[in-house]
Amino acid sequence: MSALSAVNPILAQAATPGTSSPLMSLLPMVLIFGAMYFLMIAPQRKKQKALEAMLKALRTGDEIVTTGGIFGTITNVKDDRYVVRISDTTKIEIGKGFVQSVVKKADGEEVKG
């Protein structure tokens, strides 16, 4: 019976709220934020940088797809938009942020992904 009475105060002390250090109560939040950064924020930043690099590399003659799903060929590059030929007689102007991907570069190189 003496062994049980020795364990009982230890369990009671461990179950008492407010006895842990403030650092230990903050640790789960830090771990959750760290996991969220590596699972969500870092990949999104990488994707955004790749998109910006792709937009800077666009030139006249590149075949693109817009976010609306329109395929076309860039005929002119302006400061904040592209002039895109979508058929033999139709040209439209789109904002630079509305280019989703490059299908084919002007030099004939196929783009993957």
C-alpha atoms as a PDB file:
ATOM      1  CA  MET A   1       0.000   0.000   0.000  1.00  0.00           C
ATOM      2  CA  SER A   2       2.927   2.348   0.576  1.00  0.00           C
ATOM      3  CA  ALA A   3       3.908   2.165  -3.108  1.00  0.00           C
ATOM      4  CA  LEU A   4       0.473   3.388  -4.184  1.00  0.00           C
ATOM      5  CA  SER A   5       0.508   6.223  -1.701  1.00  0.00           C
ATOM      6  CA  ALA A   6       3.901   7.364  -3.052  1.00  0.00           C
ATOM      7  CA  VAL A   7       2.634   7.441  -6.680  1.00  0.00           C
ATOM      8  CA  ASN A   8      -0.621   9.206  -5.870  1.00  0.00           C
ATOM      9  CA  PRO A   9       0.943  12.636  -5.021  1.00  0.00           C
ATOM     10  CA  ILE A  10       3.035  12.493  -8.205  1.00  0.00           C
ATOM     11  CA  LEU A  11      -0.068  11.884 -10.340  1.00  0.00           C
ATOM     12  CA  ALA A  12      -1.971  14.595  -8.519  1.00  0.00           C
ATOM     13  CA  GLN A  13       0.836  17.080  -9.125  1.00  0.00           C
ATOM     14  CA  ALA A  14       1.066  16.183 -12.837  1.00  0.00           C
ATOM     15  CA  ALA A  15      -2.701  16.609 -13.291  1.00  0.00           C
ATOM     16  CA  THR A  16      -2.819  20.012 -11.563  1.00  0.00           C
ATOM     17  CA  PRO A  17      -3.341  22.762 -14.157  1.00  0.00           C
ATOM     18  CA  GLY A  18      -1.090  25.786 -14.151  1.00  0.00           C
ATOM     19  CA  THR A  19       2.014  24.013 -12.890  1.00  0.00           C
ATOM     20  CA  SER A  20       3.660  23.691 -16.324  1.00  0.00           C
ATOM     21  CA  SER A  21       5.927  26.423 -17.628  1.00  0.00           C
ATOM     22  CA  PRO A  22       4.544  29.000 -20.069  1.00  0.00           C
ATOM     23  CA  LEU A  23       7.135  27.878 -22.615  1.00  0.00           C
ATOM     24  CA  MET A  24       5.713  24.363 -22.664  1.00  0.00           C
ATOM     25  CA  SER A  25       2.196  25.660 -23.258  1.00  0.00           C
ATOM     26  CA  LEU A  26       3.460  27.749 -26.198  1.00  0.00           C
ATOM     27  CA  LEU A  27       5.351  24.861 -27.799  1.00  0.00           C
ATOM     28  CA  PRO A  28       2.342  23.231 -29.547  1.00  0.00           C
ATOM     29  CA  MET A  29       1.426  26.542 -31.205  1.00  0.00           C
ATOM     30  CA  VAL A  30       5.000  26.990 -32.434  1.00  0.00           C
ATOM     31  CA  LEU A  31       5.018  23.446 -33.822  1.00  0.00           C
ATOM     32  CA  ILE A  32       1.680  23.977 -35.581  1.00  0.00           C
ATOM     33  CA  PHE A  33       2.899  27.235 -37.141  1.00  0.00           C
ATOM     34  CA  GLY A  34       6.134  25.550 -38.264  1.00  0.00           C
ATOM     35  CA  ALA A  35       4.244  22.691 -39.876  1.00  0.00           C
ATOM     36  CA  MET A  36       1.832  25.114 -41.554  1.00  0.00           C
ATOM     37  CA  TYR A  37       4.751  27.114 -42.959  1.00  0.00           C
ATOM     38  CA  PHE A  38       6.455  24.084 -44.488  1.00  0.00           C
ATOM     39  CA  LEU A  39       3.242  22.527 -45.796  1.00  0.00           C
ATOM     40  CA  MET A  40       1.418  25.611 -47.091  1.00  0.00           C
ATOM     41  CA  ILE A  41       3.347  28.876 -47.184  1.00  0.00           C
ATOM     42  CA  ALA A  42       6.726  27.739 -48.567  1.00  0.00           C
ATOM     43  CA  PRO A  43       5.292  25.804 -51.561  1.00  0.00           C
ATOM     44  CA  GLN A  44       3.003  28.723 -52.420  1.00  0.00           C
ATOM     45  CA  ARG A  45       5.954  31.145 -52.404  1.00  0.00           C
ATOM     46  CA  LYS A  46       7.915  28.818 -54.680  1.00  0.00           C
ATOM     47  CA  LYS A  47       4.971  28.576 -57.074  1.00  0.00           C
ATOM     48  CA  GLN A  48       4.536  32.377 -57.089  1.00  0.00           C
ATOM     49  CA  LYS A  49       8.225  32.946 -57.890  1.00  0.00           C
ATOM     50  CA  ALA A  50       8.047  30.439 -60.760  1.00  0.00           C
ATOM     51  CA  LEU A  51       4.974  32.215 -62.172  1.00  0.00           C
ATOM     52  CA  GLU A  52       6.692  35.614 -61.969  1.00  0.00           C
ATOM     53  CA  ALA A  53       9.781  34.237 -63.729  1.00  0.00           C
ATOM     54  CA  MET A  54       7.584  32.723 -66.459  1.00  0.00           C
ATOM     55  CA  LEU A  55       5.791  36.055 -66.984  1.00  0.00           C
ATOM     56  CA  LYS A  56       9.086  37.948 -67.261  1.00  0.00           C
ATOM     57  CA  ALA A  57      10.353  35.465 -69.870  1.00  0.00           C
ATOM     58  CA  LEU A  58       7.337  35.824 -72.197  1.00  0.00           C
ATOM     59  CA  ARG A  59       8.167  37.264 -75.610  1.00  0.00           C
ATOM     60  CA  THR A  60       6.431  37.917 -78.917  1.00  0.00           C
ATOM     61  CA  GLY A  61       5.613  34.627 -80.639  1.00  0.00           C
ATOM     62  CA  ASP A  62       5.107  32.560 -77.470  1.00  0.00           C
ATOM     63  CA  GLU A  63       1.933  30.475 -77.431  1.00  0.00           C
ATOM     64  CA  ILE A  64       0.075  30.831 -74.134  1.00  0.00           C
ATOM     65  CA  VAL A  65      -3.051  29.763 -72.256  1.00  0.00           C
ATOM     66  CA  THR A  66      -4.977  32.351 -70.259  1.00  0.00           C
ATOM     67  CA  THR A  67      -6.690  31.705 -66.943  1.00  0.00           C
ATOM     68  CA  GLY A  68      -9.962  31.699 -68.878  1.00  0.00           C
ATOM     69  CA  GLY A  69      -8.738  28.819 -71.040  1.00  0.00           C
ATOM     70  CA  ILE A  70      -8.092  30.808 -74.222  1.00  0.00           C
ATOM     71  CA  PHE A  71      -5.156  29.657 -76.345  1.00  0.00           C
ATOM     72  CA  GLY A  72      -3.321  32.327 -78.291  1.00  0.00           C
ATOM     73  CA  THR A  73      -0.020  33.675 -79.553  1.00  0.00           C
ATOM     74  CA  ILE A  74       1.559  36.837 -78.175  1.00  0.00           C
ATOM     75  CA  THR A  75       1.952  39.435 -80.923  1.00  0.00           C
ATOM     76  CA  ASN A  76       2.975  42.446 -78.844  1.00  0.00           C
ATOM     77  CA  VAL A  77       4.196  43.042 -75.294  1.00  0.00           C
ATOM     78  CA  LYS A  78       3.096  46.258 -73.580  1.00  0.00           C
ATOM     79  CA  ASP A  79       3.899  47.558 -70.096  1.00  0.00           C
ATOM     80  CA  ASP A  80       0.985  45.974 -68.268  1.00  0.00           C
ATOM     81  CA  ARG A  81      -0.611  43.675 -70.871  1.00  0.00           C
ATOM     82  CA  TYR A  82      -0.094  41.420 -73.857  1.00  0.00           C
ATOM     83  CA  VAL A  83      -1.728  41.601 -77.272  1.00  0.00           C
ATOM     84  CA  VAL A  84      -2.702  38.023 -78.100  1.00  0.00           C
ATOM     85  CA  ARG A  85      -3.822  36.642 -81.465  1.00  0.00           C
ATOM     86  CA  ILE A  86      -6.484  33.996 -80.863  1.00  0.00           C
ATOM     87  CA  SER A  87      -7.448  33.474 -84.530  1.00  0.00           C
ATOM     88  CA  ASP A  88      -6.354  34.784 -87.923  1.00  0.00           C
ATOM     89  CA  THR A  89      -8.479  37.921 -87.641  1.00  0.00           C
ATOM     90  CA  THR A  90      -8.914  38.355 -83.880  1.00  0.00           C
ATOM     91  CA  LYS A  91      -6.528  39.976 -81.439  1.00  0.00           C
ATOM     92  CA  ILE A  92      -7.272  40.688 -77.789  1.00  0.00           C
ATOM     93  CA  GLU A  93      -5.402  42.463 -75.019  1.00  0.00           C
ATOM     94  CA  ILE A  94      -5.035  40.654 -71.709  1.00  0.00           C
ATOM     95  CA  GLY A  95      -3.440  41.684 -68.437  1.00  0.00           C
ATOM     96  CA  LYS A  96      -0.099  40.127 -67.626  1.00  0.00           C
ATOM     97  CA  GLY A  97      -1.534  38.457 -64.538  1.00  0.00           C
ATOM     98  CA  PHE A  98      -4.028  36.472 -66.610  1.00  0.00           C
ATOM     99  CA  VAL A  99      -1.480  34.253 -68.336  1.00  0.00           C
ATOM    100  CA  GLN A 100      -1.692  30.794 -66.808  1.00  0.00           C
ATOM    101  CA  SER A 101       0.982  28.905 -68.714  1.00  0.00           C
ATOM    102  CA  VAL A 102       3.165  28.782 -71.808  1.00  0.00           C
ATOM    103  CA  VAL A 103       2.384  26.088 -74.364  1.00  0.00           C
ATOM    104  CA  LYS A 104       5.203  26.725 -76.841  1.00  0.00           C
ATOM    105  CA  LYS A 105       8.060  29.213 -76.880  1.00  0.00           C
ATOM    106  CA  ALA A 106       8.736  31.379 -79.945  1.00  0.00           C
ATOM    107  CA  ASP A 107      11.843  29.376 -80.843  1.00  0.00           C
ATOM    108  CA  GLY A 108       9.739  26.202 -81.229  1.00  0.00           C
ATOM    109  CA  GLU A 109      10.624  24.703 -77.873  1.00  0.00           C
ATOM    110  CA  GLU A 110       7.794  22.700 -76.307  1.00  0.00           C
ATOM    111  CA  VAL A 111       7.148  23.609 -72.670  1.00  0.00           C
ATOM    112  CA  LYS A 112       6.292  20.790 -70.245  1.00  0.00           C
ATOM    113  CA  GLY A 113       4.081  21.207 -67.199  1.00  0.00           C
END
